[in-house]
Amino acid sequence: MKCPLCEHEGLDASVKNCPSCNADLTAYHALDSIKASAKKQKTTTLVFIILFILALLACIAIFFAVNSGVIAPAEDQELLQSEATVLALQAENQQLKSKIAELQTENTNLLAREKEVIEVEEFRHIIIEGETLYGIAQKYLGNGDLYPKIASDNGIKDVNLIQTGHELIIYIKTI
């Protein structure tokens, strides 16, 4: 997989965050899964359409054979069973069409959510004496445990050695 934000390549499907830009890849994994599901759905639909056409052709052939006297009365019972099977397959086909319509609606809704634009707001913060990256993360990001993101975004290698007066850039994602 390729990160859609920084285009880092070679990501495993189980990776939740991009190692380069720390982007959350969960939604992109879900979209890939939906696309795979939609492809399966199209294949299944095609198979059922082909089966339906074959069943319809068989019914037509049987109809003409019965009306032309080719099929003997002893085979009438088998013909009735075949017609019952065709009707059952038609009912099942209708149910599958309904399920396909539901899945297409769900797919459309998910694709609409995919198109929502994620914006990033940038804040600048001057470190004052006594502040920690944990406290700054708590203030801006609402979670102090996100301090490694601030450190990463600002090239800070040792989070315990931040300097008073140093300017930090803090990125906050908004929808």
C-alpha atoms as a PDB file:
ATOM      1  CA  MET A   1       0.000   0.000   0.000  1.00  0.00           C
ATOM      2  CA  LYS A   2       1.079   3.587  -0.600  1.00  0.00           C
ATOM      3  CA  CYS A   3       0.373   6.417   1.868  1.00  0.00           C
ATOM      4  CA  PRO A   4      -2.084   8.816   0.149  1.00  0.00           C
ATOM      5  CA  LEU A   5      -0.635  11.840   1.948  1.00  0.00           C
ATOM      6  CA  CYS A   6       3.140  11.513   1.703  1.00  0.00           C
ATOM      7  CA  GLU A   7       3.203   8.730  -0.932  1.00  0.00           C
ATOM      8  CA  HIS A   8       5.447   6.519   1.222  1.00  0.00           C
ATOM      9  CA  GLU A   9       5.411   3.113  -0.491  1.00  0.00           C
ATOM     10  CA  GLY A  10       5.596  -0.451   0.734  1.00  0.00           C
ATOM     11  CA  LEU A  11       3.187  -0.152   3.666  1.00  0.00           C
ATOM     12  CA  ASP A  12       1.689  -3.356   5.019  1.00  0.00           C
ATOM     13  CA  ALA A  13      -2.124  -3.574   5.175  1.00  0.00           C
ATOM     14  CA  SER A  14      -1.964  -3.978   8.968  1.00  0.00           C
ATOM     15  CA  VAL A  15      -0.117  -0.648   9.502  1.00  0.00           C
ATOM     16  CA  LYS A  16      -2.435   1.855  11.191  1.00  0.00           C
ATOM     17  CA  ASN A  17      -0.218   4.945  10.827  1.00  0.00           C
ATOM     18  CA  CYS A  18       2.244   5.925   8.114  1.00  0.00           C
ATOM     19  CA  PRO A  19       5.809   5.756   9.501  1.00  0.00           C
ATOM     20  CA  SER A  20       6.809   8.834   7.456  1.00  0.00           C
ATOM     21  CA  CYS A  21       4.015  11.301   8.119  1.00  0.00           C
ATOM     22  CA  ASN A  22       2.173   9.530  10.964  1.00  0.00           C
ATOM     23  CA  ALA A  23      -1.110   9.815   8.995  1.00  0.00           C
ATOM     24  CA  ASP A  24      -3.968   7.642  10.215  1.00  0.00           C
ATOM     25  CA  LEU A  25      -4.482   5.005   7.483  1.00  0.00           C
ATOM     26  CA  THR A  26      -7.510   3.269   9.046  1.00  0.00           C
ATOM     27  CA  ALA A  27     -10.028   4.980   6.753  1.00  0.00           C
ATOM     28  CA  TYR A  28      -7.948   4.203   3.664  1.00  0.00           C
ATOM     29  CA  HIS A  29      -7.780   0.513   4.665  1.00  0.00           C
ATOM     30  CA  ALA A  30     -11.575   0.532   5.062  1.00  0.00           C
ATOM     31  CA  LEU A  31     -11.988   2.093   1.620  1.00  0.00           C
ATOM     32  CA  ASP A  32      -9.711  -0.548   0.056  1.00  0.00           C
ATOM     33  CA  SER A  33     -11.853  -3.216   1.716  1.00  0.00           C
ATOM     34  CA  ILE A  34     -15.031  -1.604   0.363  1.00  0.00           C
ATOM     35  CA  LYS A  35     -13.583  -1.459  -3.141  1.00  0.00           C
ATOM     36  CA  ALA A  36     -12.669  -5.165  -2.949  1.00  0.00           C
ATOM     37  CA  SER A  37     -16.175  -5.937  -1.694  1.00  0.00           C
ATOM     38  CA  ALA A  38     -17.726  -3.964  -4.555  1.00  0.00           C
ATOM     39  CA  LYS A  39     -15.633  -5.930  -7.063  1.00  0.00           C
ATOM     40  CA  LYS A  40     -16.817  -9.226  -5.522  1.00  0.00           C
ATOM     41  CA  GLN A  41     -20.370  -7.930  -5.622  1.00  0.00           C
ATOM     42  CA  LYS A  42     -20.126  -7.168  -9.348  1.00  0.00           C
ATOM     43  CA  THR A  43     -18.747 -10.635 -10.064  1.00  0.00           C
ATOM     44  CA  THR A  44     -21.504 -12.292  -8.031  1.00  0.00           C
ATOM     45  CA  THR A  45     -24.136 -10.224  -9.804  1.00  0.00           C
ATOM     46  CA  LEU A  46     -22.767 -11.233 -13.194  1.00  0.00           C
ATOM     47  CA  VAL A  47     -22.828 -14.930 -12.240  1.00  0.00           C
ATOM     48  CA  PHE A  48     -26.429 -14.700 -11.079  1.00  0.00           C
ATOM     49  CA  ILE A  49     -27.474 -12.850 -14.221  1.00  0.00           C
ATOM     50  CA  ILE A  50     -25.894 -15.569 -16.357  1.00  0.00           C
ATOM     51  CA  LEU A  51     -27.630 -18.270 -14.300  1.00  0.00           C
ATOM     52  CA  PHE A  52     -30.926 -16.452 -14.630  1.00  0.00           C
ATOM     53  CA  ILE A  53     -30.546 -16.200 -18.408  1.00  0.00           C
ATOM     54  CA  LEU A  54     -29.674 -19.907 -18.628  1.00  0.00           C
ATOM     55  CA  ALA A  55     -32.722 -20.820 -16.534  1.00  0.00           C
ATOM     56  CA  LEU A  56     -34.908 -18.611 -18.699  1.00  0.00           C
ATOM     57  CA  LEU A  57     -33.571 -20.230 -21.872  1.00  0.00           C
ATOM     58  CA  ALA A  58     -34.219 -23.663 -20.382  1.00  0.00           C
ATOM     59  CA  CYS A  59     -37.816 -22.661 -19.596  1.00  0.00           C
ATOM     60  CA  ILE A  60     -38.328 -21.411 -23.133  1.00  0.00           C
ATOM     61  CA  ALA A  61     -36.877 -24.620 -24.597  1.00  0.00           C
ATOM     62  CA  ILE A  62     -39.098 -26.719 -22.342  1.00  0.00           C
ATOM     63  CA  PHE A  63     -42.150 -24.643 -23.269  1.00  0.00           C
ATOM     64  CA  PHE A  64     -41.574 -25.154 -26.987  1.00  0.00           C
ATOM     65  CA  ALA A  65     -40.801 -28.854 -26.488  1.00  0.00           C
ATOM     66  CA  VAL A  66     -44.045 -29.398 -24.537  1.00  0.00           C
ATOM     67  CA  ASN A  67     -46.164 -27.479 -27.033  1.00  0.00           C
ATOM     68  CA  SER A  68     -44.685 -29.339 -29.992  1.00  0.00           C
ATOM     69  CA  GLY A  69     -45.392 -32.743 -28.398  1.00  0.00           C
ATOM     70  CA  VAL A  70     -41.729 -33.769 -28.119  1.00  0.00           C
ATOM     71  CA  ILE A  71     -41.941 -34.338 -24.361  1.00  0.00           C
ATOM     72  CA  ALA A  72     -44.054 -37.337 -23.341  1.00  0.00           C
ATOM     73  CA  PRO A  73     -46.691 -37.118 -20.552  1.00  0.00           C
ATOM     74  CA  ALA A  74     -44.464 -39.244 -18.281  1.00  0.00           C
ATOM     75  CA  GLU A  75     -42.001 -36.384 -18.229  1.00  0.00           C
ATOM     76  CA  ASP A  76     -44.656 -33.845 -17.180  1.00  0.00           C
ATOM     77  CA  GLN A  77     -43.844 -34.390 -13.482  1.00  0.00           C
ATOM     78  CA  GLU A  78     -40.175 -33.696 -14.116  1.00  0.00           C
ATOM     79  CA  LEU A  79     -41.146 -30.627 -16.096  1.00  0.00           C
ATOM     80  CA  LEU A  80     -43.244 -29.341 -13.190  1.00  0.00           C
ATOM     81  CA  GLN A  81     -40.319 -29.865 -10.835  1.00  0.00           C
ATOM     82  CA  SER A  82     -38.045 -28.001 -13.227  1.00  0.00           C
ATOM     83  CA  GLU A  83     -40.507 -25.126 -13.441  1.00  0.00           C
ATOM     84  CA  ALA A  84     -40.690 -25.022  -9.638  1.00  0.00           C
ATOM     85  CA  THR A  85     -36.888 -24.891  -9.522  1.00  0.00           C
ATOM     86  CA  VAL A  86     -36.873 -22.048 -12.044  1.00  0.00           C
ATOM     87  CA  LEU A  87     -39.424 -20.117  -9.988  1.00  0.00           C
ATOM     88  CA  ALA A  88     -37.365 -20.671  -6.848  1.00  0.00           C
ATOM     89  CA  LEU A  89     -34.257 -19.437  -8.658  1.00  0.00           C
ATOM     90  CA  GLN A  90     -36.136 -16.385  -9.885  1.00  0.00           C
ATOM     91  CA  ALA A  91     -37.253 -15.601  -6.328  1.00  0.00           C
ATOM     92  CA  GLU A  92     -33.680 -16.033  -5.088  1.00  0.00           C
ATOM     93  CA  ASN A  93     -32.477 -13.805  -7.922  1.00  0.00           C
ATOM     94  CA  GLN A  94     -34.924 -11.104  -6.836  1.00  0.00           C
ATOM     95  CA  GLN A  95     -33.659 -11.324  -3.251  1.00  0.00           C
ATOM     96  CA  LEU A  96     -30.085 -11.021  -4.487  1.00  0.00           C
ATOM     97  CA  LYS A  97     -31.018  -7.971  -6.556  1.00  0.00           C
ATOM     98  CA  SER A  98     -32.446  -6.371  -3.417  1.00  0.00           C
ATOM     99  CA  LYS A  99     -29.267  -7.168  -1.487  1.00  0.00           C
ATOM    100  CA  ILE A 100     -27.162  -5.729  -4.329  1.00  0.00           C
ATOM    101  CA  ALA A 101     -29.212  -2.517  -4.240  1.00  0.00           C
ATOM    102  CA  GLU A 102     -28.620  -2.270  -0.462  1.00  0.00           C
ATOM    103  CA  LEU A 103     -24.869  -2.813  -0.906  1.00  0.00           C
ATOM    104  CA  GLN A 104     -24.707  -0.245  -3.702  1.00  0.00           C
ATOM    105  CA  THR A 105     -26.435   2.306  -1.458  1.00  0.00           C
ATOM    106  CA  GLU A 106     -24.006   1.511   1.348  1.00  0.00           C
ATOM    107  CA  ASN A 107     -21.083   1.780  -1.074  1.00  0.00           C
ATOM    108  CA  THR A 108     -22.341   5.157  -2.318  1.00  0.00           C
ATOM    109  CA  ASN A 109     -22.625   6.425   1.264  1.00  0.00           C
ATOM    110  CA  LEU A 110     -19.104   5.266   2.091  1.00  0.00           C
ATOM    111  CA  LEU A 111     -17.684   6.856  -1.047  1.00  0.00           C
ATOM    112  CA  ALA A 112     -19.432  10.111  -0.126  1.00  0.00           C
ATOM    113  CA  ARG A 113     -17.760  10.032   3.304  1.00  0.00           C
ATOM    114  CA  GLU A 114     -14.417   9.365   1.600  1.00  0.00           C
ATOM    115  CA  LYS A 115     -14.738  12.623  -0.299  1.00  0.00           C
ATOM    116  CA  GLU A 116     -14.912  14.684   2.893  1.00  0.00           C
ATOM    117  CA  VAL A 117     -11.884  16.924   2.934  1.00  0.00           C
ATOM    118  CA  ILE A 118      -9.576  16.803   5.923  1.00  0.00           C
ATOM    119  CA  GLU A 119      -7.961  20.169   6.596  1.00  0.00           C
ATOM    120  CA  VAL A 120      -4.971  20.875   8.832  1.00  0.00           C
ATOM    121  CA  GLU A 121      -4.747  24.011  10.941  1.00  0.00           C
ATOM    122  CA  GLU A 122      -1.307  25.244  11.926  1.00  0.00           C
ATOM    123  CA  PHE A 123      -0.615  26.833  15.305  1.00  0.00           C
ATOM    124  CA  ARG A 124       2.640  28.397  16.474  1.00  0.00           C
ATOM    125  CA  HIS A 125       3.615  28.155  20.124  1.00  0.00           C
ATOM    126  CA  ILE A 126       6.615  29.693  21.922  1.00  0.00           C
ATOM    127  CA  ILE A 127       7.856  27.436  24.720  1.00  0.00           C
ATOM    128  CA  ILE A 128       7.857  29.135  28.114  1.00  0.00           C
ATOM    129  CA  GLU A 129       9.838  28.012  31.122  1.00  0.00           C
ATOM    130  CA  GLY A 130       8.397  24.959  32.880  1.00  0.00           C
ATOM    131  CA  GLU A 131       6.381  23.715  29.903  1.00  0.00           C
ATOM    132  CA  THR A 132       6.604  20.138  28.662  1.00  0.00           C
ATOM    133  CA  LEU A 133       5.669  18.657  25.319  1.00  0.00           C
ATOM    134  CA  TYR A 134       3.082  16.570  27.172  1.00  0.00           C
ATOM    135  CA  GLY A 135       1.396  19.711  28.505  1.00  0.00           C
ATOM    136  CA  ILE A 136       1.537  21.428  25.118  1.00  0.00           C
ATOM    137  CA  ALA A 137      -0.003  18.358  23.442  1.00  0.00           C
ATOM    138  CA  GLN A 138      -2.723  18.325  26.083  1.00  0.00           C
ATOM    139  CA  LYS A 139      -3.441  22.018  25.448  1.00  0.00           C
ATOM    140  CA  TYR A 140      -3.568  21.934  21.636  1.00  0.00           C
ATOM    141  CA  LEU A 141      -4.412  18.325  20.759  1.00  0.00           C
ATOM    142  CA  GLY A 142      -6.558  17.452  23.772  1.00  0.00           C
ATOM    143  CA  ASN A 143      -4.341  14.466  24.654  1.00  0.00           C
ATOM    144  CA  GLY A 144      -0.934  14.730  26.277  1.00  0.00           C
ATOM    145  CA  ASP A 145       0.050  11.301  24.969  1.00  0.00           C
ATOM    146  CA  LEU A 146       0.257  12.829  21.473  1.00  0.00           C
ATOM    147  CA  TYR A 147       3.452  14.730  22.354  1.00  0.00           C
ATOM    148  CA  PRO A 148       5.594  12.478  20.065  1.00  0.00           C
ATOM    149  CA  LYS A 149       3.697  13.923  17.069  1.00  0.00           C
ATOM    150  CA  ILE A 150       4.675  17.472  18.078  1.00  0.00           C
ATOM    151  CA  ALA A 151       8.261  16.333  18.605  1.00  0.00           C
ATOM    152  CA  SER A 152       8.302  14.610  15.215  1.00  0.00           C
ATOM    153  CA  ASP A 153       6.739  17.579  13.395  1.00  0.00           C
ATOM    154  CA  ASN A 154       9.370  19.902  14.869  1.00  0.00           C
ATOM    155  CA  GLY A 155      12.434  17.644  14.543  1.00  0.00           C
ATOM    156  CA  ILE A 156      12.907  17.275  18.304  1.00  0.00           C
ATOM    157  CA  LYS A 157      15.004  14.178  18.987  1.00  0.00           C
ATOM    158  CA  ASP A 158      15.005  14.280  22.803  1.00  0.00           C
ATOM    159  CA  VAL A 159      11.614  15.280  24.199  1.00  0.00           C
ATOM    160  CA  ASN A 160      13.173  16.040  27.582  1.00  0.00           C
ATOM    161  CA  LEU A 161      15.439  18.732  26.100  1.00  0.00           C
ATOM    162  CA  ILE A 162      13.172  21.500  24.848  1.00  0.00           C
ATOM    163  CA  GLN A 163      14.376  25.069  25.067  1.00  0.00           C
ATOM    164  CA  THR A 164      12.509  28.033  26.465  1.00  0.00           C
ATOM    165  CA  GLY A 165      11.767  30.542  23.701  1.00  0.00           C
ATOM    166  CA  HIS A 166      11.859  27.900  20.950  1.00  0.00           C
ATOM    167  CA  GLU A 167       8.917  28.117  18.512  1.00  0.00           C
ATOM    168  CA  LEU A 168       6.882  24.968  17.857  1.00  0.00           C
ATOM    169  CA  ILE A 169       4.542  24.397  14.930  1.00  0.00           C
ATOM    170  CA  ILE A 170       1.507  22.346  15.895  1.00  0.00           C
ATOM    171  CA  TYR A 171      -0.762  20.814  13.244  1.00  0.00           C
ATOM    172  CA  ILE A 172      -4.387  20.068  14.124  1.00  0.00           C
ATOM    173  CA  LYS A 173      -6.597  18.103  11.703  1.00  0.00           C
ATOM    174  CA  THR A 174     -10.122  19.410  11.169  1.00  0.00           C
ATOM    175  CA  ILE A 175     -12.926  18.178   8.912  1.00  0.00           C
END
